[in-house]
Amino acid sequence: MTAYTATVTVRLKQGVLDPEAETTKQALERLGFELAELRSADRFEIDLDADSSEEARERAEEMAERLLANPTIHDYDVGVDER
């Protein structure tokens, strides 16, 4: 078994209201920053042991699908690095 860190990034789908990002965008604009759009995201780092990076990715994707993301309103990405 090899030690991996899987990173799952969960964000709202395009078109879903993101009040946290909107508030932050307005605050940044008041500070003089120009930006077209801002989206918020949650990032989960999961340390796990697996036989391969593909197995680690599959397990992290299952975690995302079953708990970390709501497929109705979220998209997610999974990255895997060996520790």
C-alpha atoms as a PDB file:
ATOM      1  CA  MET A   1       0.000   0.000   0.000  1.00  0.00           C
ATOM      2  CA  THR A   2       1.122   3.528  -0.750  1.00  0.00           C
ATOM      3  CA  ALA A   3       0.164   6.716   1.074  1.00  0.00           C
ATOM      4  CA  TYR A   4      -1.735   9.283  -1.007  1.00  0.00           C
ATOM      5  CA  THR A   5      -3.370  12.644  -0.461  1.00  0.00           C
ATOM      6  CA  ALA A   6      -6.561  13.129  -2.451  1.00  0.00           C
ATOM      7  CA  THR A   7      -7.734  16.705  -2.887  1.00  0.00           C
ATOM      8  CA  VAL A   8     -11.450  17.156  -3.572  1.00  0.00           C
ATOM      9  CA  THR A   9     -12.533  20.648  -4.642  1.00  0.00           C
ATOM     10  CA  VAL A  10     -16.293  21.225  -4.502  1.00  0.00           C
ATOM     11  CA  ARG A  11     -17.894  24.291  -6.084  1.00  0.00           C
ATOM     12  CA  LEU A  12     -21.364  25.395  -7.015  1.00  0.00           C
ATOM     13  CA  LYS A  13     -22.428  24.719 -10.592  1.00  0.00           C
ATOM     14  CA  GLN A  14     -22.542  27.627 -13.013  1.00  0.00           C
ATOM     15  CA  GLY A  15     -25.816  29.506 -12.548  1.00  0.00           C
ATOM     16  CA  VAL A  16     -26.373  28.490  -8.898  1.00  0.00           C
ATOM     17  CA  LEU A  17     -26.472  31.489  -6.565  1.00  0.00           C
ATOM     18  CA  ASP A  18     -23.278  31.905  -4.535  1.00  0.00           C
ATOM     19  CA  PRO A  19     -23.989  34.551  -1.861  1.00  0.00           C
ATOM     20  CA  GLU A  20     -20.608  34.077  -0.154  1.00  0.00           C
ATOM     21  CA  ALA A  21     -18.741  34.775  -3.381  1.00  0.00           C
ATOM     22  CA  GLU A  22     -20.989  37.732  -4.246  1.00  0.00           C
ATOM     23  CA  THR A  23     -20.375  39.368  -0.853  1.00  0.00           C
ATOM     24  CA  THR A  24     -16.629  38.805  -1.176  1.00  0.00           C
ATOM     25  CA  LYS A  25     -16.623  40.137  -4.749  1.00  0.00           C
ATOM     26  CA  GLN A  26     -18.359  43.334  -3.633  1.00  0.00           C
ATOM     27  CA  ALA A  27     -15.846  43.781  -0.797  1.00  0.00           C
ATOM     28  CA  LEU A  28     -12.913  43.303  -3.165  1.00  0.00           C
ATOM     29  CA  GLU A  29     -14.390  45.852  -5.577  1.00  0.00           C
ATOM     30  CA  ARG A  30     -14.767  48.363  -2.720  1.00  0.00           C
ATOM     31  CA  LEU A  31     -11.050  47.840  -2.042  1.00  0.00           C
ATOM     32  CA  GLY A  32     -10.297  48.788  -5.646  1.00  0.00           C
ATOM     33  CA  PHE A  33      -9.853  45.352  -7.206  1.00  0.00           C
ATOM     34  CA  GLU A  34     -11.406  44.788 -10.621  1.00  0.00           C
ATOM     35  CA  LEU A  35     -12.718  41.302 -11.331  1.00  0.00           C
ATOM     36  CA  ALA A  36     -15.243  39.824 -13.699  1.00  0.00           C
ATOM     37  CA  GLU A  37     -16.443  36.983 -11.513  1.00  0.00           C
ATOM     38  CA  LEU A  38     -15.690  35.206  -8.253  1.00  0.00           C
ATOM     39  CA  ARG A  39     -16.744  31.734  -7.136  1.00  0.00           C
ATOM     40  CA  SER A  40     -16.265  30.117  -3.752  1.00  0.00           C
ATOM     41  CA  ALA A  41     -15.197  26.509  -3.290  1.00  0.00           C
ATOM     42  CA  ASP A  42     -14.609  24.003  -0.509  1.00  0.00           C
ATOM     43  CA  ARG A  43     -11.424  21.962  -0.545  1.00  0.00           C
ATOM     44  CA  PHE A  44     -11.039  18.641   1.261  1.00  0.00           C
ATOM     45  CA  GLU A  45      -7.641  16.981   1.674  1.00  0.00           C
ATOM     46  CA  ILE A  46      -7.956  13.267   2.399  1.00  0.00           C
ATOM     47  CA  ASP A  47      -4.959  11.180   3.448  1.00  0.00           C
ATOM     48  CA  LEU A  48      -5.435   7.515   2.578  1.00  0.00           C
ATOM     49  CA  ASP A  49      -3.554   4.338   1.736  1.00  0.00           C
ATOM     50  CA  ALA A  50      -4.271   2.579  -1.546  1.00  0.00           C
ATOM     51  CA  ASP A  51      -2.675   0.082  -3.940  1.00  0.00           C
ATOM     52  CA  SER A  52      -2.536   2.684  -6.751  1.00  0.00           C
ATOM     53  CA  SER A  53      -3.259   6.318  -7.474  1.00  0.00           C
ATOM     54  CA  GLU A  54      -6.270   5.210  -9.535  1.00  0.00           C
ATOM     55  CA  GLU A  55      -7.714   3.335  -6.544  1.00  0.00           C
ATOM     56  CA  ALA A  56      -7.133   6.396  -4.344  1.00  0.00           C
ATOM     57  CA  ARG A  57      -8.906   8.576  -6.951  1.00  0.00           C
ATOM     58  CA  GLU A  58     -11.854   6.180  -7.169  1.00  0.00           C
ATOM     59  CA  ARG A  59     -12.267   6.157  -3.387  1.00  0.00           C
ATOM     60  CA  ALA A  60     -12.088   9.972  -3.202  1.00  0.00           C
ATOM     61  CA  GLU A  61     -14.625  10.274  -6.030  1.00  0.00           C
ATOM     62  CA  GLU A  62     -16.978   7.934  -4.166  1.00  0.00           C
ATOM     63  CA  MET A  63     -16.609  10.102  -1.047  1.00  0.00           C
ATOM     64  CA  ALA A  64     -17.421  13.187  -3.114  1.00  0.00           C
ATOM     65  CA  GLU A  65     -20.459  11.574  -4.722  1.00  0.00           C
ATOM     66  CA  ARG A  66     -21.840  10.131  -1.490  1.00  0.00           C
ATOM     67  CA  LEU A  67     -21.194  12.989   0.940  1.00  0.00           C
ATOM     68  CA  LEU A  68     -18.904  15.878   0.025  1.00  0.00           C
ATOM     69  CA  ALA A  69     -20.854  17.181  -2.987  1.00  0.00           C
ATOM     70  CA  ASN A  70     -24.539  17.453  -3.817  1.00  0.00           C
ATOM     71  CA  PRO A  71     -24.691  16.490  -7.526  1.00  0.00           C
ATOM     72  CA  THR A  72     -27.756  18.673  -8.040  1.00  0.00           C
ATOM     73  CA  ILE A  73     -25.904  21.914  -7.273  1.00  0.00           C
ATOM     74  CA  HIS A  74     -22.176  21.056  -7.122  1.00  0.00           C
ATOM     75  CA  ASP A  75     -19.368  20.121  -9.456  1.00  0.00           C
ATOM     76  CA  TYR A  76     -16.190  18.626  -8.049  1.00  0.00           C
ATOM     77  CA  ASP A  77     -12.620  17.835  -9.081  1.00  0.00           C
ATOM     78  CA  VAL A  78     -10.350  15.196  -7.592  1.00  0.00           C
ATOM     79  CA  GLY A  79      -6.557  15.302  -7.602  1.00  0.00           C
ATOM     80  CA  VAL A  80      -4.278  12.638  -6.133  1.00  0.00           C
ATOM     81  CA  ASP A  81      -0.643  12.983  -5.056  1.00  0.00           C
ATOM     82  CA  GLU A  82       1.633  10.433  -3.477  1.00  0.00           C
ATOM     83  CA  ARG A  83       2.771  11.374   0.047  1.00  0.00           C
END
